[in-house]
């Protein structure tokens, strides 16, 4: 056991990281699967508890367009490590051919296709049910934040226009709503995380900033120079670029500061 601990410390020192699955298997935090329902769907979700002595906020993680895979669950664990309860719903729940979710798709391409075929009303219902469930958790303090990555980042931004039950929305390389009128409904601060080499997404930032400013809403967007799309995931891979690794580390530090206000 001592040799294993020394090896993990040495790997960390040399800049190597655990795989998402290794992180999940080695995590000291409590993980469990829970299911709650919308009107039309039973939503399977991954729930992680931090090691804390007081009630804390719940952070809802909206996964990328690959579904609730090992990386998304690993990210949930990393946020829980910051001291928050984390709920990560599988938006593909019930959509696989056998009635299962993300893990029942043959590959990530098929999961991605299914993601883009989801009914927007069902996505909204899943998020509303997630928030309602989060507020019933006995160890929670009643406050809820939403964070999304890629596809999930866009859904996080959109949900801020649809709900007054959350404290903040965090958008990781996702686009804002196209309809400027939607921004009138936002009553919470939005925090954006963007890679400098991701102009597909970044080209939409100015219109979101203008719409937020027109409605006197807080939108704090940070672009991490040289990083690409998906740097929170890519930045922990063994052969990542220095820019992605730096963006990920700085992004995690910033995320921790933002969540500390909950």
C-alpha atoms as a PDB file:
ATOM      1  CA  UNK A   1       0.000   0.000   0.000  1.00  0.00           C
ATOM      2  CA  UNK A   2       2.836   2.397   0.870  1.00  0.00           C
ATOM      3  CA  UNK A   3       4.451   1.709  -2.505  1.00  0.00           C
ATOM      4  CA  UNK A   4       1.157   2.543  -4.254  1.00  0.00           C
ATOM      5  CA  UNK A   5       0.819   5.832  -2.401  1.00  0.00           C
ATOM      6  CA  UNK A   6       4.420   6.765  -3.235  1.00  0.00           C
ATOM      7  CA  UNK A   7       3.806   5.921  -6.899  1.00  0.00           C
ATOM      8  CA  UNK A   8       0.679   8.093  -7.088  1.00  0.00           C
ATOM      9  CA  UNK A   9       2.496  11.017  -5.450  1.00  0.00           C
ATOM     10  CA  UNK A  10       5.439  10.579  -7.836  1.00  0.00           C
ATOM     11  CA  UNK A  11       3.122  10.488 -10.867  1.00  0.00           C
ATOM     12  CA  UNK A  12       1.426  13.679  -9.701  1.00  0.00           C
ATOM     13  CA  UNK A  13       4.785  15.386  -9.196  1.00  0.00           C
ATOM     14  CA  UNK A  14       5.872  14.485 -12.724  1.00  0.00           C
ATOM     15  CA  UNK A  15       2.658  15.910 -14.179  1.00  0.00           C
ATOM     16  CA  UNK A  16       0.985  12.588 -14.910  1.00  0.00           C
ATOM     17  CA  UNK A  17      -2.692  12.244 -14.017  1.00  0.00           C
ATOM     18  CA  UNK A  18      -5.023   9.397 -13.237  1.00  0.00           C
ATOM     19  CA  UNK A  19      -7.495   8.294 -15.864  1.00  0.00           C
ATOM     20  CA  UNK A  20     -11.107   9.295 -15.162  1.00  0.00           C
ATOM     21  CA  UNK A  21     -11.968   5.739 -14.181  1.00  0.00           C
ATOM     22  CA  UNK A  22      -8.943   5.477 -11.870  1.00  0.00           C
ATOM     23  CA  UNK A  23      -9.957   8.742 -10.207  1.00  0.00           C
ATOM     24  CA  UNK A  24     -13.451   7.408  -9.587  1.00  0.00           C
ATOM     25  CA  UNK A  25     -12.183   4.111  -8.210  1.00  0.00           C
ATOM     26  CA  UNK A  26      -9.638   5.821  -5.929  1.00  0.00           C
ATOM     27  CA  UNK A  27     -11.897   8.640  -4.724  1.00  0.00           C
ATOM     28  CA  UNK A  28     -12.514   8.764  -0.954  1.00  0.00           C
ATOM     29  CA  UNK A  29     -15.866  10.475  -1.540  1.00  0.00           C
ATOM     30  CA  UNK A  30     -19.253   8.765  -1.382  1.00  0.00           C
ATOM     31  CA  UNK A  31     -20.686   7.990  -4.830  1.00  0.00           C
ATOM     32  CA  UNK A  32     -24.125   6.644  -5.582  1.00  0.00           C
ATOM     33  CA  UNK A  33     -26.671   6.338  -8.376  1.00  0.00           C
ATOM     34  CA  UNK A  34     -30.082   7.931  -7.873  1.00  0.00           C
ATOM     35  CA  UNK A  35     -33.167   8.103 -10.051  1.00  0.00           C
ATOM     36  CA  UNK A  36     -35.843  10.786 -10.116  1.00  0.00           C
ATOM     37  CA  UNK A  37     -38.592  11.391 -12.617  1.00  0.00           C
ATOM     38  CA  UNK A  38     -39.926  14.026 -14.954  1.00  0.00           C
ATOM     39  CA  UNK A  39     -43.403  13.637 -16.399  1.00  0.00           C
ATOM     40  CA  UNK A  40     -42.041  11.523 -19.261  1.00  0.00           C
ATOM     41  CA  UNK A  41     -38.709  10.131 -18.136  1.00  0.00           C
ATOM     42  CA  UNK A  42     -36.917   8.385 -15.282  1.00  0.00           C
ATOM     43  CA  UNK A  43     -33.577  10.177 -14.975  1.00  0.00           C
ATOM     44  CA  UNK A  44     -30.599   8.154 -13.764  1.00  0.00           C
ATOM     45  CA  UNK A  45     -28.045  10.426 -12.097  1.00  0.00           C
ATOM     46  CA  UNK A  46     -24.631  10.200 -10.498  1.00  0.00           C
ATOM     47  CA  UNK A  47     -24.481  11.751  -7.009  1.00  0.00           C
ATOM     48  CA  UNK A  48     -21.269  12.625  -5.157  1.00  0.00           C
ATOM     49  CA  UNK A  49     -20.940  13.836  -1.579  1.00  0.00           C
ATOM     50  CA  UNK A  50     -17.968  15.868  -0.326  1.00  0.00           C
ATOM     51  CA  UNK A  51     -16.171  15.192   2.926  1.00  0.00           C
ATOM     52  CA  UNK A  52     -17.515  18.144   4.942  1.00  0.00           C
ATOM     53  CA  UNK A  53     -19.108  18.717   8.337  1.00  0.00           C
ATOM     54  CA  UNK A  54     -21.836  21.180   7.347  1.00  0.00           C
ATOM     55  CA  UNK A  55     -24.613  21.580   4.812  1.00  0.00           C
ATOM     56  CA  UNK A  56     -23.373  22.761   1.415  1.00  0.00           C
ATOM     57  CA  UNK A  57     -24.707  23.803  -1.981  1.00  0.00           C
ATOM     58  CA  UNK A  58     -25.470  21.384  -4.781  1.00  0.00           C
ATOM     59  CA  UNK A  59     -23.766  21.752  -8.158  1.00  0.00           C
ATOM     60  CA  UNK A  60     -25.572  20.188 -11.103  1.00  0.00           C
ATOM     61  CA  UNK A  61     -23.185  19.010 -13.833  1.00  0.00           C
ATOM     62  CA  UNK A  62     -24.474  18.991 -17.415  1.00  0.00           C
ATOM     63  CA  UNK A  63     -22.303  16.637 -19.414  1.00  0.00           C
ATOM     64  CA  UNK A  64     -20.742  17.118 -22.848  1.00  0.00           C
ATOM     65  CA  UNK A  65     -22.317  15.821 -26.048  1.00  0.00           C
ATOM     66  CA  UNK A  66     -20.761  12.417 -25.308  1.00  0.00           C
ATOM     67  CA  UNK A  67     -23.211  11.767 -22.482  1.00  0.00           C
ATOM     68  CA  UNK A  68     -22.638  10.885 -18.839  1.00  0.00           C
ATOM     69  CA  UNK A  69     -19.380   9.003 -19.403  1.00  0.00           C
ATOM     70  CA  UNK A  70     -16.465   8.301 -17.053  1.00  0.00           C
ATOM     71  CA  UNK A  71     -14.961  11.736 -17.658  1.00  0.00           C
ATOM     72  CA  UNK A  72     -18.200  13.544 -16.771  1.00  0.00           C
ATOM     73  CA  UNK A  73     -18.482  11.509 -13.573  1.00  0.00           C
ATOM     74  CA  UNK A  74     -14.813  12.180 -12.835  1.00  0.00           C
ATOM     75  CA  UNK A  75     -15.449  15.908 -13.230  1.00  0.00           C
ATOM     76  CA  UNK A  76     -18.353  15.605 -10.807  1.00  0.00           C
ATOM     77  CA  UNK A  77     -15.986  14.004  -8.306  1.00  0.00           C
ATOM     78  CA  UNK A  78     -13.436  16.808  -8.781  1.00  0.00           C
ATOM     79  CA  UNK A  79     -16.070  19.455  -8.041  1.00  0.00           C
ATOM     80  CA  UNK A  80     -17.204  17.505  -4.988  1.00  0.00           C
ATOM     81  CA  UNK A  81     -13.586  17.530  -3.859  1.00  0.00           C
ATOM     82  CA  UNK A  82     -13.934  21.331  -3.678  1.00  0.00           C
ATOM     83  CA  UNK A  83     -16.576  20.841  -0.965  1.00  0.00           C
ATOM     84  CA  UNK A  84     -19.936  20.626  -2.767  1.00  0.00           C
ATOM     85  CA  UNK A  85     -22.576  17.988  -3.344  1.00  0.00           C
ATOM     86  CA  UNK A  86     -22.640  17.224  -7.060  1.00  0.00           C
ATOM     87  CA  UNK A  87     -25.513  15.810  -9.081  1.00  0.00           C
ATOM     88  CA  UNK A  88     -24.836  14.717 -12.663  1.00  0.00           C
ATOM     89  CA  UNK A  89     -27.986  13.631 -14.529  1.00  0.00           C
ATOM     90  CA  UNK A  90     -27.760  11.412 -17.595  1.00  0.00           C
ATOM     91  CA  UNK A  91     -29.742  13.293 -20.242  1.00  0.00           C
ATOM     92  CA  UNK A  92     -29.745  10.131 -22.349  1.00  0.00           C
ATOM     93  CA  UNK A  93     -31.646   8.192 -19.686  1.00  0.00           C
ATOM     94  CA  UNK A  94     -34.159   5.898 -21.353  1.00  0.00           C
ATOM     95  CA  UNK A  95     -33.079   6.738 -24.896  1.00  0.00           C
ATOM     96  CA  UNK A  96     -30.902   3.723 -25.757  1.00  0.00           C
ATOM     97  CA  UNK A  97     -32.438   0.857 -27.699  1.00  0.00           C
ATOM     98  CA  UNK A  98     -32.674  -1.249 -24.534  1.00  0.00           C
ATOM     99  CA  UNK A  99     -34.180   1.601 -22.534  1.00  0.00           C
ATOM    100  CA  UNK A 100     -30.882   2.468 -20.874  1.00  0.00           C
ATOM    101  CA  UNK A 101     -28.719   5.569 -21.015  1.00  0.00           C
ATOM    102  CA  UNK A 102     -25.232   6.701 -22.001  1.00  0.00           C
ATOM    103  CA  UNK A 103     -23.435   3.495 -21.034  1.00  0.00           C
ATOM    104  CA  UNK A 104     -25.782   1.467 -23.231  1.00  0.00           C
ATOM    105  CA  UNK A 105     -24.736   3.166 -26.456  1.00  0.00           C
ATOM    106  CA  UNK A 106     -22.225   1.224 -28.507  1.00  0.00           C
ATOM    107  CA  UNK A 107     -19.907   4.197 -28.896  1.00  0.00           C
ATOM    108  CA  UNK A 108     -19.640   7.945 -28.251  1.00  0.00           C
ATOM    109  CA  UNK A 109     -20.659   8.802 -31.831  1.00  0.00           C
ATOM    110  CA  UNK A 110     -24.036   7.157 -31.337  1.00  0.00           C
ATOM    111  CA  UNK A 111     -24.414   8.881 -27.972  1.00  0.00           C
ATOM    112  CA  UNK A 112     -23.584  12.198 -29.623  1.00  0.00           C
ATOM    113  CA  UNK A 113     -26.208  11.664 -32.311  1.00  0.00           C
ATOM    114  CA  UNK A 114     -28.785  10.898 -29.638  1.00  0.00           C
ATOM    115  CA  UNK A 115     -27.856  14.017 -27.668  1.00  0.00           C
ATOM    116  CA  UNK A 116     -28.644  16.263 -30.613  1.00  0.00           C
ATOM    117  CA  UNK A 117     -31.949  14.485 -31.101  1.00  0.00           C
ATOM    118  CA  UNK A 118     -33.212  15.299 -27.607  1.00  0.00           C
ATOM    119  CA  UNK A 119     -36.400  17.321 -27.221  1.00  0.00           C
ATOM    120  CA  UNK A 120     -35.521  20.777 -25.786  1.00  0.00           C
ATOM    121  CA  UNK A 121     -38.590  20.560 -23.556  1.00  0.00           C
ATOM    122  CA  UNK A 122     -37.319  17.279 -22.118  1.00  0.00           C
ATOM    123  CA  UNK A 123     -33.893  18.809 -21.451  1.00  0.00           C
ATOM    124  CA  UNK A 124     -35.581  21.638 -19.549  1.00  0.00           C
ATOM    125  CA  UNK A 125     -37.757  19.170 -17.631  1.00  0.00           C
ATOM    126  CA  UNK A 126     -34.697  17.098 -16.690  1.00  0.00           C
ATOM    127  CA  UNK A 127     -32.935  20.176 -15.336  1.00  0.00           C
ATOM    128  CA  UNK A 128     -36.000  21.324 -13.408  1.00  0.00           C
ATOM    129  CA  UNK A 129     -36.351  17.858 -11.881  1.00  0.00           C
ATOM    130  CA  UNK A 130     -32.636  17.859 -11.044  1.00  0.00           C
ATOM    131  CA  UNK A 131     -32.961  21.169  -9.198  1.00  0.00           C
ATOM    132  CA  UNK A 132     -36.059  19.965  -7.353  1.00  0.00           C
ATOM    133  CA  UNK A 133     -34.272  16.757  -6.305  1.00  0.00           C
ATOM    134  CA  UNK A 134     -31.168  18.715  -5.249  1.00  0.00           C
ATOM    135  CA  UNK A 135     -33.247  20.812  -2.885  1.00  0.00           C
ATOM    136  CA  UNK A 136     -34.553  17.712  -1.111  1.00  0.00           C
ATOM    137  CA  UNK A 137     -31.105  16.351  -0.234  1.00  0.00           C
ATOM    138  CA  UNK A 138     -30.852  16.500   3.580  1.00  0.00           C
ATOM    139  CA  UNK A 139     -27.125  17.358   3.511  1.00  0.00           C
ATOM    140  CA  UNK A 140     -27.696  20.305   1.158  1.00  0.00           C
ATOM    141  CA  UNK A 141     -28.190  23.948   2.132  1.00  0.00           C
ATOM    142  CA  UNK A 142     -30.885  24.674  -0.466  1.00  0.00           C
ATOM    143  CA  UNK A 143     -28.653  26.535  -2.918  1.00  0.00           C
ATOM    144  CA  UNK A 144     -28.092  25.141  -6.403  1.00  0.00           C
ATOM    145  CA  UNK A 145     -25.643  26.076  -9.167  1.00  0.00           C
ATOM    146  CA  UNK A 146     -25.480  24.649 -12.682  1.00  0.00           C
ATOM    147  CA  UNK A 147     -22.302  24.002 -14.677  1.00  0.00           C
ATOM    148  CA  UNK A 148     -22.132  22.608 -18.192  1.00  0.00           C
ATOM    149  CA  UNK A 149     -19.405  21.575 -20.608  1.00  0.00           C
ATOM    150  CA  UNK A 150     -19.549  21.891 -24.416  1.00  0.00           C
ATOM    151  CA  UNK A 151     -23.178  20.953 -25.273  1.00  0.00           C
ATOM    152  CA  UNK A 152     -23.829  21.148 -21.561  1.00  0.00           C
ATOM    153  CA  UNK A 153     -22.374  24.671 -21.428  1.00  0.00           C
ATOM    154  CA  UNK A 154     -24.971  25.861 -23.920  1.00  0.00           C
ATOM    155  CA  UNK A 155     -27.700  24.121 -21.915  1.00  0.00           C
ATOM    156  CA  UNK A 156     -26.443  25.778 -18.727  1.00  0.00           C
ATOM    157  CA  UNK A 157     -26.689  29.232 -20.348  1.00  0.00           C
ATOM    158  CA  UNK A 158     -30.144  28.450 -21.731  1.00  0.00           C
ATOM    159  CA  UNK A 159     -31.408  27.154 -18.382  1.00  0.00           C
ATOM    160  CA  UNK A 160     -30.482  30.483 -16.788  1.00  0.00           C
ATOM    161  CA  UNK A 161     -33.169  32.017 -19.026  1.00  0.00           C
ATOM    162  CA  UNK A 162     -35.724  29.420 -17.897  1.00  0.00           C
ATOM    163  CA  UNK A 163     -35.310  29.076 -14.145  1.00  0.00           C
ATOM    164  CA  UNK A 164     -35.310  31.317 -11.092  1.00  0.00           C
ATOM    165  CA  UNK A 165     -34.412  28.392  -8.805  1.00  0.00           C
ATOM    166  CA  UNK A 166     -30.620  28.495  -9.280  1.00  0.00           C
ATOM    167  CA  UNK A 167     -27.946  30.783  -7.857  1.00  0.00           C
ATOM    168  CA  UNK A 168     -25.598  30.906 -10.831  1.00  0.00           C
ATOM    169  CA  UNK A 169     -24.893  29.282 -14.197  1.00  0.00           C
ATOM    170  CA  UNK A 170     -21.383  28.339 -15.279  1.00  0.00           C
ATOM    171  CA  UNK A 171     -20.756  27.929 -18.992  1.00  0.00           C
ATOM    172  CA  UNK A 172     -17.700  25.994 -20.151  1.00  0.00           C
ATOM    173  CA  UNK A 173     -17.104  26.559 -23.869  1.00  0.00           C
ATOM    174  CA  UNK A 174     -20.806  26.671 -24.668  1.00  0.00           C
ATOM    175  CA  UNK A 175     -22.769  29.240 -26.663  1.00  0.00           C
ATOM    176  CA  UNK A 176     -25.440  31.597 -25.375  1.00  0.00           C
ATOM    177  CA  UNK A 177     -29.033  31.715 -26.651  1.00  0.00           C
ATOM    178  CA  UNK A 178     -29.427  33.190 -30.130  1.00  0.00           C
ATOM    179  CA  UNK A 179     -32.621  35.089 -29.307  1.00  0.00           C
ATOM    180  CA  UNK A 180     -31.659  38.322 -27.551  1.00  0.00           C
ATOM    181  CA  UNK A 181     -35.104  38.455 -25.939  1.00  0.00           C
ATOM    182  CA  UNK A 182     -34.232  35.341 -23.911  1.00  0.00           C
ATOM    183  CA  UNK A 183     -31.620  37.283 -21.953  1.00  0.00           C
ATOM    184  CA  UNK A 184     -34.335  39.433 -20.387  1.00  0.00           C
ATOM    185  CA  UNK A 185     -35.274  36.485 -18.165  1.00  0.00           C
ATOM    186  CA  UNK A 186     -31.820  36.009 -16.620  1.00  0.00           C
ATOM    187  CA  UNK A 187     -31.645  37.035 -12.971  1.00  0.00           C
ATOM    188  CA  UNK A 188     -28.354  35.400 -11.961  1.00  0.00           C
ATOM    189  CA  UNK A 189     -24.667  35.877 -12.800  1.00  0.00           C
ATOM    190  CA  UNK A 190     -23.207  33.859 -15.681  1.00  0.00           C
ATOM    191  CA  UNK A 191     -19.559  32.803 -15.667  1.00  0.00           C
ATOM    192  CA  UNK A 192     -17.950  31.686 -18.923  1.00  0.00           C
ATOM    193  CA  UNK A 193     -14.806  29.604 -19.505  1.00  0.00           C
ATOM    194  CA  UNK A 194     -13.477  29.609 -23.083  1.00  0.00           C
ATOM    195  CA  UNK A 195     -10.424  28.322 -24.945  1.00  0.00           C
ATOM    196  CA  UNK A 196      -8.534  30.848 -27.061  1.00  0.00           C
ATOM    197  CA  UNK A 197      -8.379  28.441 -30.020  1.00  0.00           C
ATOM    198  CA  UNK A 198     -12.118  27.836 -30.137  1.00  0.00           C
ATOM    199  CA  UNK A 199     -13.471  30.545 -32.401  1.00  0.00           C
ATOM    200  CA  UNK A 200     -16.568  28.519 -33.316  1.00  0.00           C
ATOM    201  CA  UNK A 201     -17.755  29.226 -29.797  1.00  0.00           C
ATOM    202  CA  UNK A 202     -15.850  32.454 -29.106  1.00  0.00           C
ATOM    203  CA  UNK A 203     -17.369  34.222 -32.112  1.00  0.00           C
ATOM    204  CA  UNK A 204     -20.696  34.122 -30.260  1.00  0.00           C
ATOM    205  CA  UNK A 205     -19.385  35.727 -27.049  1.00  0.00           C
ATOM    206  CA  UNK A 206     -19.776  39.388 -28.126  1.00  0.00           C
ATOM    207  CA  UNK A 207     -23.488  39.009 -28.881  1.00  0.00           C
ATOM    208  CA  UNK A 208     -24.047  37.313 -25.516  1.00  0.00           C
ATOM    209  CA  UNK A 209     -22.075  40.046 -23.756  1.00  0.00           C
ATOM    210  CA  UNK A 210     -24.095  42.758 -25.479  1.00  0.00           C
ATOM    211  CA  UNK A 211     -27.402  41.100 -24.626  1.00  0.00           C
ATOM    212  CA  UNK A 212     -26.379  40.595 -21.013  1.00  0.00           C
ATOM    213  CA  UNK A 213     -25.217  44.206 -20.742  1.00  0.00           C
ATOM    214  CA  UNK A 214     -28.424  45.512 -22.302  1.00  0.00           C
ATOM    215  CA  UNK A 215     -30.346  43.740 -19.553  1.00  0.00           C
ATOM    216  CA  UNK A 216     -27.939  44.755 -16.756  1.00  0.00           C
ATOM    217  CA  UNK A 217     -26.927  41.145 -16.121  1.00  0.00           C
ATOM    218  CA  UNK A 218     -23.516  39.937 -14.959  1.00  0.00           C
ATOM    219  CA  UNK A 219     -21.584  37.964 -17.559  1.00  0.00           C
ATOM    220  CA  UNK A 220     -17.941  37.292 -16.706  1.00  0.00           C
ATOM    221  CA  UNK A 221     -16.245  35.591 -19.645  1.00  0.00           C
ATOM    222  CA  UNK A 222     -12.613  34.497 -19.455  1.00  0.00           C
ATOM    223  CA  UNK A 223     -10.735  33.260 -22.531  1.00  0.00           C
ATOM    224  CA  UNK A 224      -7.722  31.054 -21.790  1.00  0.00           C
ATOM    225  CA  UNK A 225      -5.023  31.809 -24.350  1.00  0.00           C
ATOM    226  CA  UNK A 226      -3.917  28.924 -26.547  1.00  0.00           C
ATOM    227  CA  UNK A 227      -6.380  26.432 -25.087  1.00  0.00           C
ATOM    228  CA  UNK A 228      -8.737  24.499 -27.313  1.00  0.00           C
ATOM    229  CA  UNK A 229     -12.338  23.438 -27.032  1.00  0.00           C
ATOM    230  CA  UNK A 230     -12.878  21.000 -24.176  1.00  0.00           C
ATOM    231  CA  UNK A 231      -9.769  21.968 -22.228  1.00  0.00           C
ATOM    232  CA  UNK A 232     -11.179  20.805 -18.903  1.00  0.00           C
ATOM    233  CA  UNK A 233     -11.152  17.294 -20.364  1.00  0.00           C
ATOM    234  CA  UNK A 234      -8.183  17.555 -22.713  1.00  0.00           C
ATOM    235  CA  UNK A 235      -6.069  19.360 -20.122  1.00  0.00           C
ATOM    236  CA  UNK A 236      -5.781  16.286 -17.904  1.00  0.00           C
ATOM    237  CA  UNK A 237      -4.860  13.840 -20.656  1.00  0.00           C
ATOM    238  CA  UNK A 238      -1.305  12.466 -20.630  1.00  0.00           C
ATOM    239  CA  UNK A 239      -0.233  14.047 -23.931  1.00  0.00           C
ATOM    240  CA  UNK A 240      -2.069  17.350 -23.537  1.00  0.00           C
ATOM    241  CA  UNK A 241      -0.682  20.694 -24.644  1.00  0.00           C
ATOM    242  CA  UNK A 242       0.773  23.078 -22.095  1.00  0.00           C
ATOM    243  CA  UNK A 243      -1.936  25.605 -22.979  1.00  0.00           C
ATOM    244  CA  UNK A 244      -4.741  23.134 -22.253  1.00  0.00           C
ATOM    245  CA  UNK A 245      -3.083  22.014 -19.035  1.00  0.00           C
ATOM    246  CA  UNK A 246      -2.611  25.628 -17.884  1.00  0.00           C
ATOM    247  CA  UNK A 247      -6.189  26.542 -18.803  1.00  0.00           C
ATOM    248  CA  UNK A 248      -7.539  23.580 -16.904  1.00  0.00           C
ATOM    249  CA  UNK A 249      -5.536  24.372 -13.757  1.00  0.00           C
ATOM    250  CA  UNK A 250      -6.445  28.059 -13.859  1.00  0.00           C
ATOM    251  CA  UNK A 251     -10.045  27.191 -14.673  1.00  0.00           C
ATOM    252  CA  UNK A 252     -10.355  24.867 -11.683  1.00  0.00           C
ATOM    253  CA  UNK A 253      -8.952  27.563  -9.392  1.00  0.00           C
ATOM    254  CA  UNK A 254     -11.419  30.101 -10.774  1.00  0.00           C
ATOM    255  CA  UNK A 255     -14.314  27.649 -10.481  1.00  0.00           C
ATOM    256  CA  UNK A 256     -13.470  27.082  -6.842  1.00  0.00           C
ATOM    257  CA  UNK A 257     -13.530  30.862  -6.206  1.00  0.00           C
ATOM    258  CA  UNK A 258     -16.898  31.228  -7.926  1.00  0.00           C
ATOM    259  CA  UNK A 259     -18.497  28.366  -6.015  1.00  0.00           C
ATOM    260  CA  UNK A 260     -17.191  29.679  -2.690  1.00  0.00           C
ATOM    261  CA  UNK A 261     -19.921  32.312  -2.738  1.00  0.00           C
ATOM    262  CA  UNK A 262     -22.677  29.704  -2.503  1.00  0.00           C
END
